[in-house]
PDB file of N, CA and C in Angstrom:
ATOM      1  N   UNK A   1      84.363 111.786  85.055  1.00  0.00           N
ATOM      2  CA  UNK A   1      83.769 112.655  84.061  1.00  0.00           C
ATOM      3  C   UNK A   1      83.977 114.130  84.408  1.00  0.00           C
ATOM      4  N   UNK A   2      84.777 114.399  85.419  1.00  0.00           N
ATOM      5  CA  UNK A   2      85.037 115.794  85.793  1.00  0.00           C
ATOM      6  C   UNK A   2      86.049 116.416  84.846  1.00  0.00           C
ATOM      7  N   UNK A   3      85.860 117.666  84.618  1.00  0.00           N
ATOM      8  CA  UNK A   3      86.844 118.398  83.833  1.00  0.00           C
ATOM      9  C   UNK A   3      87.696 119.229  84.775  1.00  0.00           C
ATOM     10  N   UNK A   4      88.732 119.830  84.251  1.00  0.00           N
ATOM     11  CA  UNK A   4      89.600 120.659  85.076  1.00  0.00           C
ATOM     12  C   UNK A   4      88.846 121.856  85.645  1.00  0.00           C
ATOM     13  N   UNK A   5      87.804 122.267  84.998  1.00  0.00           N
ATOM     14  CA  UNK A   5      87.033 123.415  85.464  1.00  0.00           C
ATOM     15  C   UNK A   5      86.238 123.084  86.725  1.00  0.00           C
ATOM     16  N   UNK A   6      85.982 121.791  86.972  1.00  0.00           N
ATOM     17  CA  UNK A   6      85.227 121.379  88.146  1.00  0.00           C
ATOM     18  C   UNK A   6      86.091 121.264  89.398  1.00  0.00           C
ATOM     19  N   UNK A   7      87.408 121.227  89.223  1.00  0.00           N
ATOM     20  CA  UNK A   7      88.315 121.047  90.342  1.00  0.00           C
ATOM     21  C   UNK A   7      88.723 122.387  90.924  1.00  0.00           C
ATOM     22  N   UNK A   8      88.797 122.437  92.245  1.00  0.00           N
ATOM     23  CA  UNK A   8      89.270 123.649  92.908  1.00  0.00           C
ATOM     24  C   UNK A   8      90.337 123.268  93.923  1.00  0.00           C
ATOM     25  N   UNK A   9      91.176 124.201  94.241  1.00  0.00           N
ATOM     26  CA  UNK A   9      92.204 124.008  95.260  1.00  0.00           C
ATOM     27  C   UNK A   9      91.681 124.619  96.555  1.00  0.00           C
ATOM     28  N   UNK A  10      91.460 123.790  97.560  1.00  0.00           N
ATOM     29  CA  UNK A  10      90.954 124.301  98.830  1.00  0.00           C
ATOM     30  C   UNK A  10      92.036 124.976  99.651  1.00  0.00           C
ATOM     31  N   UNK A  11      93.199 124.379  99.684  1.00  0.00           N
ATOM     32  CA  UNK A  11      94.263 124.915 100.532  1.00  0.00           C
ATOM     33  C   UNK A  11      95.614 124.475  99.974  1.00  0.00           C
ATOM     34  N   UNK A  12      96.592 125.335 100.107  1.00  0.00           N
ATOM     35  CA  UNK A  12      97.961 124.974  99.749  1.00  0.00           C
ATOM     36  C   UNK A  12      98.693 124.672 101.050  1.00  0.00           C
ATOM     37  N   UNK A  13      99.297 123.495 101.105  1.00  0.00           N
ATOM     38  CA  UNK A  13      99.969 123.084 102.323  1.00  0.00           C
ATOM     39  C   UNK A  13     101.330 123.747 102.429  1.00  0.00           C
ATOM     40  N   UNK A  14     101.519 124.501 103.492  1.00  0.00           N
ATOM     41  CA  UNK A  14     102.813 125.075 103.793  1.00  0.00           C
ATOM     42  C   UNK A  14     103.013 125.039 105.299  1.00  0.00           C
ATOM     43  N   UNK A  15     104.078 125.610 105.771  1.00  0.00           N
ATOM     44  CA  UNK A  15     104.428 125.539 107.195  1.00  0.00           C
ATOM     45  C   UNK A  15     103.446 126.305 108.092  1.00  0.00           C
ATOM     46  N   UNK A  16     102.630 127.189 107.532  1.00  0.00           N
ATOM     47  CA  UNK A  16     101.718 128.002 108.339  1.00  0.00           C
ATOM     48  C   UNK A  16     100.344 127.383 108.529  1.00  0.00           C
ATOM     49  N   UNK A  17     100.103 126.198 107.970  1.00  0.00           N
ATOM     50  CA  UNK A  17      98.809 125.529 108.111  1.00  0.00           C
ATOM     51  C   UNK A  17      98.760 124.793 109.443  1.00  0.00           C
ATOM     52  N   UNK A  18      97.638 124.905 110.129  1.00  0.00           N
ATOM     53  CA  UNK A  18      97.415 124.178 111.369  1.00  0.00           C
ATOM     54  C   UNK A  18      96.228 123.243 111.189  1.00  0.00           C
ATOM     55  N   UNK A  19      96.301 122.077 111.819  1.00  0.00           N
ATOM     56  CA  UNK A  19      95.270 121.052 111.721  1.00  0.00           C
ATOM     57  C   UNK A  19      94.573 120.926 113.068  1.00  0.00           C
ATOM     58  N   UNK A  20      93.244 120.972 113.062  1.00  0.00           N
ATOM     59  CA  UNK A  20      92.443 120.861 114.276  1.00  0.00           C
ATOM     60  C   UNK A  20      91.442 119.731 114.127  1.00  0.00           C
ATOM     61  N   UNK A  21      91.260 118.974 115.208  1.00  0.00           N
ATOM     62  CA  UNK A  21      90.261 117.913 115.203  1.00  0.00           C
ATOM     63  C   UNK A  21      88.942 118.455 115.736  1.00  0.00           C
ATOM     64  N   UNK A  22      87.839 117.951 115.184  1.00  0.00           N
ATOM     65  CA  UNK A  22      86.508 118.433 115.543  1.00  0.00           C
ATOM     66  C   UNK A  22      86.094 117.947 116.925  1.00  0.00           C
ATOM     67  N   UNK A  23      85.341 118.777 117.609  1.00  0.00           N
ATOM     68  CA  UNK A  23      84.745 118.416 118.890  1.00  0.00           C
ATOM     69  C   UNK A  23      83.401 119.123 118.981  1.00  0.00           C
ATOM     70  N   UNK A  24      82.314 118.367 118.910  1.00  0.00           N
ATOM     71  CA  UNK A  24      80.949 118.888 118.992  1.00  0.00           C
ATOM     72  C   UNK A  24      80.647 119.897 117.886  1.00  0.00           C
ATOM     73  N   UNK A  25      81.037 119.584 116.663  1.00  0.00           N
ATOM     74  CA  UNK A  25      80.789 120.476 115.539  1.00  0.00           C
ATOM     75  C   UNK A  25      79.435 120.242 114.902  1.00  0.00           C
ATOM     76  N   UNK A  26      78.744 119.186 115.269  1.00  0.00           N
ATOM     77  CA  UNK A  26      77.430 118.935 114.682  1.00  0.00           C
ATOM     78  C   UNK A  26      76.492 120.092 115.004  1.00  0.00           C
ATOM     79  N   UNK A  27      76.511 120.540 116.228  1.00  0.00           N
ATOM     80  CA  UNK A  27      75.657 121.664 116.620  1.00  0.00           C
ATOM     81  C   UNK A  27      76.211 122.995 116.139  1.00  0.00           C
ATOM     82  N   UNK A  28      77.499 123.202 116.287  1.00  0.00           N
ATOM     83  CA  UNK A  28      78.098 124.495 115.982  1.00  0.00           C
ATOM     84  C   UNK A  28      78.116 124.816 114.483  1.00  0.00           C
ATOM     85  N   UNK A  29      78.452 123.827 113.654  1.00  0.00           N
ATOM     86  CA  UNK A  29      78.614 124.082 112.220  1.00  0.00           C
ATOM     87  C   UNK A  29      77.661 123.266 111.356  1.00  0.00           C
ATOM     88  N   UNK A  30      76.695 122.610 111.968  1.00  0.00           N
ATOM     89  CA  UNK A  30      75.743 121.752 111.259  1.00  0.00           C
ATOM     90  C   UNK A  30      76.458 120.701 110.414  1.00  0.00           C
ATOM     91  N   UNK A  31      77.462 120.092 111.012  1.00  0.00           N
ATOM     92  CA  UNK A  31      78.241 119.062 110.345  1.00  0.00           C
ATOM     93  C   UNK A  31      77.405 117.799 110.170  1.00  0.00           C
ATOM     94  N   UNK A  32      77.518 117.106 109.031  1.00  0.00           N
ATOM     95  CA  UNK A  32      76.728 115.888 108.837  1.00  0.00           C
ATOM     96  C   UNK A  32      77.193 114.722 109.697  1.00  0.00           C
ATOM     97  N   UNK A  33      78.457 114.705 110.122  1.00  0.00           N
ATOM     98  CA  UNK A  33      78.960 113.665 111.016  1.00  0.00           C
ATOM     99  C   UNK A  33      79.760 114.310 112.131  1.00  0.00           C
ATOM    100  N   UNK A  34      80.060 113.540 113.152  1.00  0.00           N
ATOM    101  CA  UNK A  34      80.846 114.070 114.273  1.00  0.00           C
ATOM    102  C   UNK A  34      82.343 113.891 114.063  1.00  0.00           C
ATOM    103  N   UNK A  35      82.743 113.315 112.943  1.00  0.00           N
ATOM    104  CA  UNK A  35      84.152 113.027 112.667  1.00  0.00           C
ATOM    105  C   UNK A  35      84.685 114.072 111.702  1.00  0.00           C
ATOM    106  N   UNK A  36      85.223 115.143 112.230  1.00  0.00           N
ATOM    107  CA  UNK A  36      85.680 116.225 111.370  1.00  0.00           C
ATOM    108  C   UNK A  36      87.006 116.811 111.798  1.00  0.00           C
ATOM    109  N   UNK A  37      87.527 117.674 110.935  1.00  0.00           N
ATOM    110  CA  UNK A  37      88.764 118.389 111.214  1.00  0.00           C
ATOM    111  C   UNK A  37      88.754 119.697 110.444  1.00  0.00           C
ATOM    112  N   UNK A  38      89.638 120.583 110.823  1.00  0.00           N
ATOM    113  CA  UNK A  38      89.714 121.897 110.174  1.00  0.00           C
ATOM    114  C   UNK A  38      91.160 122.209 109.831  1.00  0.00           C
ATOM    115  N   UNK A  39      91.335 122.962 108.769  1.00  0.00           N
ATOM    116  CA  UNK A  39      92.635 123.472 108.362  1.00  0.00           C
ATOM    117  C   UNK A  39      92.552 124.987 108.352  1.00  0.00           C
ATOM    118  N   UNK A  40      93.511 125.625 109.012  1.00  0.00           N
ATOM    119  CA  UNK A  40      93.533 127.081 109.011  1.00  0.00           C
ATOM    120  C   UNK A  40      94.960 127.566 109.059  1.00  0.00           C
ATOM    121  N   UNK A  41      95.154 128.783 108.586  1.00  0.00           N
ATOM    122  CA  UNK A  41      96.464 129.407 108.670  1.00  0.00           C
ATOM    123  C   UNK A  41      96.676 129.952 110.068  1.00  0.00           C
ATOM    124  N   UNK A  42      97.901 129.934 110.531  1.00  0.00           N
ATOM    125  CA  UNK A  42      98.228 130.325 111.898  1.00  0.00           C
ATOM    126  C   UNK A  42      97.838 131.768 112.206  1.00  0.00           C
ATOM    127  N   UNK A  43      97.904 132.650 111.241  1.00  0.00           N
ATOM    128  CA  UNK A  43      97.645 134.063 111.484  1.00  0.00           C
ATOM    129  C   UNK A  43      96.151 134.405 111.518  1.00  0.00           C
ATOM    130  N   UNK A  44      95.271 133.473 111.159  1.00  0.00           N
ATOM    131  CA  UNK A  44      93.830 133.737 111.168  1.00  0.00           C
ATOM    132  C   UNK A  44      93.266 133.403 112.545  1.00  0.00           C
ATOM    133  N   UNK A  45      92.580 134.341 113.153  1.00  0.00           N
ATOM    134  CA  UNK A  45      92.053 134.143 114.491  1.00  0.00           C
ATOM    135  C   UNK A  45      90.526 134.075 114.548  1.00  0.00           C
ATOM    136  N   UNK A  46      89.824 134.512 113.517  1.00  0.00           N
ATOM    137  CA  UNK A  46      88.360 134.484 113.513  1.00  0.00           C
ATOM    138  C   UNK A  46      87.860 133.069 113.255  1.00  0.00           C
ATOM    139  N   UNK A  47      86.809 132.641 113.945  1.00  0.00           N
ATOM    140  CA  UNK A  47      86.237 131.313 113.729  1.00  0.00           C
ATOM    141  C   UNK A  47      85.451 131.239 112.430  1.00  0.00           C
ATOM    142  N   UNK A  48      84.837 132.293 112.010  1.00  0.00           N
ATOM    143  CA  UNK A  48      83.985 132.266 110.820  1.00  0.00           C
ATOM    144  C   UNK A  48      84.690 132.857 109.603  1.00  0.00           C
ATOM    145  N   UNK A  49      85.967 132.668 109.513  1.00  0.00           N
ATOM    146  CA  UNK A  49      86.714 133.204 108.394  1.00  0.00           C
ATOM    147  C   UNK A  49      86.588 132.279 107.185  1.00  0.00           C
ATOM    148  N   UNK A  50      86.513 132.853 106.005  1.00  0.00           N
ATOM    149  CA  UNK A  50      86.336 132.042 104.802  1.00  0.00           C
ATOM    150  C   UNK A  50      87.593 131.257 104.445  1.00  0.00           C
ATOM    151  N   UNK A  51      88.706 131.534 105.071  1.00  0.00           N
ATOM    152  CA  UNK A  51      89.943 130.819 104.802  1.00  0.00           C
ATOM    153  C   UNK A  51      90.167 129.637 105.742  1.00  0.00           C
ATOM    154  N   UNK A  52      89.235 129.363 106.633  1.00  0.00           N
ATOM    155  CA  UNK A  52      89.280 128.167 107.463  1.00  0.00           C
ATOM    156  C   UNK A  52      88.429 127.119 106.770  1.00  0.00           C
ATOM    157  N   UNK A  53      88.992 125.943 106.551  1.00  0.00           N
ATOM    158  CA  UNK A  53      88.302 124.885 105.827  1.00  0.00           C
ATOM    159  C   UNK A  53      87.897 123.790 106.801  1.00  0.00           C
ATOM    160  N   UNK A  54      86.592 123.596 106.954  1.00  0.00           N
ATOM    161  CA  UNK A  54      86.028 122.577 107.823  1.00  0.00           C
ATOM    162  C   UNK A  54      85.657 121.374 106.973  1.00  0.00           C
ATOM    163  N   UNK A  55      86.187 120.205 107.323  1.00  0.00           N
ATOM    164  CA  UNK A  55      85.946 118.985 106.562  1.00  0.00           C
ATOM    165  C   UNK A  55      85.506 117.881 107.512  1.00  0.00           C
ATOM    166  N   UNK A  56      84.715 116.937 107.005  1.00  0.00           N
ATOM    167  CA  UNK A  56      84.311 115.813 107.843  1.00  0.00           C
ATOM    168  C   UNK A  56      84.356 114.530 107.030  1.00  0.00           C
ATOM    169  N   UNK A  57      84.416 113.405 107.742  1.00  0.00           N
ATOM    170  CA  UNK A  57      84.465 112.083 107.130  1.00  0.00           C
ATOM    171  C   UNK A  57      83.312 111.252 107.669  1.00  0.00           C
ATOM    172  N   UNK A  58      83.011 110.163 106.980  1.00  0.00           N
ATOM    173  CA  UNK A  58      81.895 109.310 107.381  1.00  0.00           C
ATOM    174  C   UNK A  58      82.181 108.560 108.674  1.00  0.00           C
ATOM    175  N   UNK A  59      83.411 108.084 108.859  1.00  0.00           N
ATOM    176  CA  UNK A  59      83.748 107.291 110.040  1.00  0.00           C
ATOM    177  C   UNK A  59      84.957 107.890 110.751  1.00  0.00           C
ATOM    178  N   UNK A  60      85.155 107.462 111.976  1.00  0.00           N
ATOM    179  CA  UNK A  60      86.311 107.915 112.750  1.00  0.00           C
ATOM    180  C   UNK A  60      87.605 107.470 112.086  1.00  0.00           C
ATOM    181  N   UNK A  61      87.644 106.237 111.587  1.00  0.00           N
ATOM    182  CA  UNK A  61      88.848 105.726 110.928  1.00  0.00           C
ATOM    183  C   UNK A  61      89.190 106.529 109.676  1.00  0.00           C
ATOM    184  N   UNK A  62      88.186 106.876 108.884  1.00  0.00           N
ATOM    185  CA  UNK A  62      88.423 107.709 107.700  1.00  0.00           C
ATOM    186  C   UNK A  62      88.974 109.075 108.090  1.00  0.00           C
ATOM    187  N   UNK A  63      88.427 109.645 109.137  1.00  0.00           N
ATOM    188  CA  UNK A  63      88.899 110.951 109.618  1.00  0.00           C
ATOM    189  C   UNK A  63      90.361 110.855 110.062  1.00  0.00           C
ATOM    190  N   UNK A  64      90.705 109.791 110.788  1.00  0.00           N
ATOM    191  CA  UNK A  64      92.088 109.603 111.234  1.00  0.00           C
ATOM    192  C   UNK A  64      93.028 109.430 110.044  1.00  0.00           C
ATOM    193  N   UNK A  65      92.590 108.716 109.012  1.00  0.00           N
ATOM    194  CA  UNK A  65      93.412 108.549 107.811  1.00  0.00           C
ATOM    195  C   UNK A  65      93.676 109.891 107.121  1.00  0.00           C
ATOM    196  N   UNK A  66      92.638 110.702 106.999  1.00  0.00           N
ATOM    197  CA  UNK A  66      92.805 112.032 106.408  1.00  0.00           C
ATOM    198  C   UNK A  66      93.777 112.872 107.222  1.00  0.00           C
ATOM    199  N   UNK A  67      93.579 112.884 108.538  1.00  0.00           N
ATOM    200  CA  UNK A  67      94.438 113.709 109.397  1.00  0.00           C
ATOM    201  C   UNK A  67      95.884 113.213 109.376  1.00  0.00           C
ATOM    202  N   UNK A  68      96.083 111.902 109.381  1.00  0.00           N
ATOM    203  CA  UNK A  68      97.445 111.363 109.304  1.00  0.00           C
ATOM    204  C   UNK A  68      98.089 111.688 107.965  1.00  0.00           C
ATOM    205  N   UNK A  69      97.324 111.611 106.881  1.00  0.00           N
ATOM    206  CA  UNK A  69      97.850 111.982 105.574  1.00  0.00           C
ATOM    207  C   UNK A  69      98.264 113.446 105.515  1.00  0.00           C
ATOM    208  N   UNK A  70      97.460 114.306 106.106  1.00  0.00           N
ATOM    209  CA  UNK A  70      97.790 115.739 106.132  1.00  0.00           C
ATOM    210  C   UNK A  70      99.024 115.981 106.983  1.00  0.00           C
ATOM    211  N   UNK A  71      99.128 115.277 108.095  1.00  0.00           N
ATOM    212  CA  UNK A  71     100.333 115.403 108.932  1.00  0.00           C
ATOM    213  C   UNK A  71     101.575 114.958 108.167  1.00  0.00           C
ATOM    214  N   UNK A  72     101.457 113.895 107.376  1.00  0.00           N
ATOM    215  CA  UNK A  72     102.603 113.461 106.575  1.00  0.00           C
ATOM    216  C   UNK A  72     102.975 114.500 105.535  1.00  0.00           C
ATOM    217  N   UNK A  73     101.982 115.149 104.943  1.00  0.00           N
ATOM    218  CA  UNK A  73     102.263 116.221 103.986  1.00  0.00           C
ATOM    219  C   UNK A  73     102.990 117.367 104.678  1.00  0.00           C
ATOM    220  N   UNK A  74     102.506 117.752 105.852  1.00  0.00           N
ATOM    221  CA  UNK A  74     103.072 118.903 106.549  1.00  0.00           C
ATOM    222  C   UNK A  74     104.418 118.602 107.199  1.00  0.00           C
ATOM    223  N   UNK A  75     104.556 117.414 107.813  1.00  0.00           N
ATOM    224  CA  UNK A  75     105.735 117.118 108.621  1.00  0.00           C
ATOM    225  C   UNK A  75     106.459 115.860 108.161  1.00  0.00           C
ATOM    226  N   UNK A  76     106.251 115.441 106.927  1.00  0.00           N
ATOM    227  CA  UNK A  76     106.778 114.177 106.432  1.00  0.00           C
ATOM    228  C   UNK A  76     108.276 114.025 106.574  1.00  0.00           C
ATOM    229  N   UNK A  77     109.030 115.027 106.212  1.00  0.00           N
ATOM    230  CA  UNK A  77     110.490 114.947 106.292  1.00  0.00           C
ATOM    231  C   UNK A  77     110.942 114.774 107.738  1.00  0.00           C
ATOM    232  N   UNK A  78     110.348 115.521 108.639  1.00  0.00           N
ATOM    233  CA  UNK A  78     110.716 115.421 110.053  1.00  0.00           C
ATOM    234  C   UNK A  78     110.309 114.062 110.627  1.00  0.00           C
ATOM    235  N   UNK A  79     109.154 113.552 110.233  1.00  0.00           N
ATOM    236  CA  UNK A  79     108.711 112.232 110.687  1.00  0.00           C
ATOM    237  C   UNK A  79     109.688 111.168 110.216  1.00  0.00           C
ATOM    238  N   UNK A  80     110.123 111.269 108.969  1.00  0.00           N
ATOM    239  CA  UNK A  80     111.075 110.301 108.432  1.00  0.00           C
ATOM    240  C   UNK A  80     112.420 110.380 109.153  1.00  0.00           C
ATOM    241  N   UNK A  81     112.894 111.573 109.417  1.00  0.00           N
ATOM    242  CA  UNK A  81     114.162 111.730 110.136  1.00  0.00           C
ATOM    243  C   UNK A  81     114.056 111.161 111.547  1.00  0.00           C
ATOM    244  N   UNK A  82     112.946 111.392 112.222  1.00  0.00           N
ATOM    245  CA  UNK A  82     112.750 110.836 113.558  1.00  0.00           C
ATOM    246  C   UNK A  82     112.717 109.312 113.513  1.00  0.00           C
ATOM    247  N   UNK A  83     112.086 108.755 112.492  1.00  0.00           N
ATOM    248  CA  UNK A  83     112.027 107.315 112.315  1.00  0.00           C
ATOM    249  C   UNK A  83     113.432 106.740 112.120  1.00  0.00           C
ATOM    250  N   UNK A  84     114.224 107.381 111.275  1.00  0.00           N
ATOM    251  CA  UNK A  84     115.600 106.912 111.036  1.00  0.00           C
ATOM    252  C   UNK A  84     116.447 106.991 112.308  1.00  0.00           C
ATOM    253  N   UNK A  85     116.276 108.047 113.101  1.00  0.00           N
ATOM    254  CA  UNK A  85     117.006 108.173 114.364  1.00  0.00           C
ATOM    255  C   UNK A  85     116.621 107.063 115.331  1.00  0.00           C
ATOM    256  N   UNK A  86     115.345 106.718 115.386  1.00  0.00           N
ATOM    257  CA  UNK A  86     114.903 105.659 116.277  1.00  0.00           C
ATOM    258  C   UNK A  86     115.426 104.301 115.830  1.00  0.00           C
ATOM    259  N   UNK A  87     115.588 104.082 114.525  1.00  0.00           N
ATOM    260  CA  UNK A  87     116.144 102.839 114.033  1.00  0.00           C
ATOM    261  C   UNK A  87     117.593 102.683 114.457  1.00  0.00           C
ATOM    262  N   UNK A  88     118.328 103.780 114.485  1.00  0.00           N
ATOM    263  CA  UNK A  88     119.733 103.735 114.876  1.00  0.00           C
ATOM    264  C   UNK A  88     119.898 103.454 116.364  1.00  0.00           C
ATOM    265  N   UNK A  89     118.928 103.898 117.169  1.00  0.00           N
ATOM    266  CA  UNK A  89     118.984 103.653 118.626  1.00  0.00           C
ATOM    267  C   UNK A  89     118.649 102.207 118.873  1.00  0.00           C
TER     268      UNK A  89
END
Protein backbone atom coordinates (compact mmCIF):
# COMPACT_ATOMS: atom_id res chain seq x y z
CA UNK A 1 0.00 0.00 0.00
CA UNK A 2 3.04 2.28 -0.20
CA UNK A 3 3.17 4.99 -2.75
CA UNK A 4 6.25 6.32 -4.48
CA UNK A 5 6.21 9.25 -2.07
CA UNK A 6 6.85 6.88 0.85
CA UNK A 7 10.02 5.44 -0.67
CA UNK A 8 13.41 7.03 -0.17
CA UNK A 9 16.87 6.23 -1.48
CA UNK A 10 19.25 5.72 1.43
CA UNK A 11 22.44 5.28 -0.54
CA UNK A 12 23.62 4.94 -4.11
CA UNK A 13 26.07 2.11 -4.51
CA UNK A 14 29.29 3.11 -6.20
CA UNK A 15 32.99 2.34 -5.84
CA UNK A 16 33.40 4.80 -2.92
CA UNK A 17 31.00 3.01 -0.55
CA UNK A 18 32.53 1.05 2.32
CA UNK A 19 30.76 -1.65 4.34
CA UNK A 20 31.40 -2.07 8.08
CA UNK A 21 30.14 -4.75 10.43
CA UNK A 22 28.76 -3.73 13.82
CA UNK A 23 30.61 -4.39 17.06
CA UNK A 24 29.00 -3.34 20.37
CA UNK A 25 26.63 -0.85 18.73
CA UNK A 26 23.81 -1.51 21.17
CA UNK A 27 25.40 0.82 23.69
CA UNK A 28 26.99 3.27 21.27
CA UNK A 29 24.05 3.84 18.89
CA UNK A 30 21.12 2.38 20.86
CA UNK A 31 20.72 -0.32 18.25
CA UNK A 32 17.74 -2.66 18.77
CA UNK A 33 19.87 -5.74 17.97
CA UNK A 34 23.56 -6.57 18.03
CA UNK A 35 23.53 -7.66 14.37
CA UNK A 36 24.25 -4.53 12.39
CA UNK A 37 26.33 -2.95 9.66
CA UNK A 38 27.08 0.50 8.32
CA UNK A 39 27.54 2.01 4.88
CA UNK A 40 29.67 5.10 4.44
CA UNK A 41 31.57 6.91 1.76
CA UNK A 42 35.34 6.59 1.90
CA UNK A 43 35.93 10.34 2.19
CA UNK A 44 33.72 10.75 5.30
CA UNK A 45 35.68 10.50 8.53
CA UNK A 46 33.20 11.71 11.20
CA UNK A 47 31.32 9.00 13.13
CA UNK A 48 28.17 11.09 13.57
CA UNK A 49 27.83 12.19 9.98
CA UNK A 50 24.36 12.16 8.46
CA UNK A 51 25.71 10.40 5.37
CA UNK A 52 26.69 7.26 7.30
CA UNK A 53 23.83 4.77 7.30
CA UNK A 54 23.60 2.41 10.27
CA UNK A 55 21.37 -0.62 9.69
CA UNK A 56 20.59 -3.71 11.75
CA UNK A 57 18.88 -7.07 11.25
CA UNK A 58 16.94 -9.33 13.58
CA UNK A 59 19.34 -12.29 13.36
CA UNK A 60 22.99 -12.88 12.55
CA UNK A 61 22.04 -14.86 9.44
CA UNK A 62 19.85 -12.02 8.15
CA UNK A 63 22.69 -9.56 8.73
CA UNK A 64 25.11 -11.82 6.82
CA UNK A 65 22.64 -12.08 3.92
CA UNK A 66 22.33 -8.30 3.73
CA UNK A 67 26.09 -7.81 3.86
CA UNK A 68 26.72 -10.50 1.23
CA UNK A 69 24.09 -8.95 -1.03
CA UNK A 70 25.73 -5.54 -0.69
CA UNK A 71 29.13 -7.06 -1.43
CA UNK A 72 27.69 -8.62 -4.59
CA UNK A 73 26.32 -5.23 -5.63
CA UNK A 74 29.66 -3.54 -5.01
CA UNK A 75 32.06 -6.24 -6.23
CA UNK A 76 29.84 -8.59 -8.25
CA UNK A 77 31.78 -8.44 -11.51
CA UNK A 78 35.09 -9.07 -9.77
CA UNK A 79 33.60 -11.93 -7.72
CA UNK A 80 32.30 -13.53 -10.91
CA UNK A 81 35.64 -13.16 -12.68
CA UNK A 82 37.45 -14.72 -9.71
CA UNK A 83 34.95 -17.59 -9.73
CA UNK A 84 35.51 -18.21 -13.46
CA UNK A 85 39.31 -18.17 -12.95
CA UNK A 86 39.02 -20.73 -10.17
CA UNK A 87 36.89 -22.98 -12.39
CA UNK A 88 39.61 -22.96 -15.03
CA UNK A 89 42.27 -23.96 -12.46
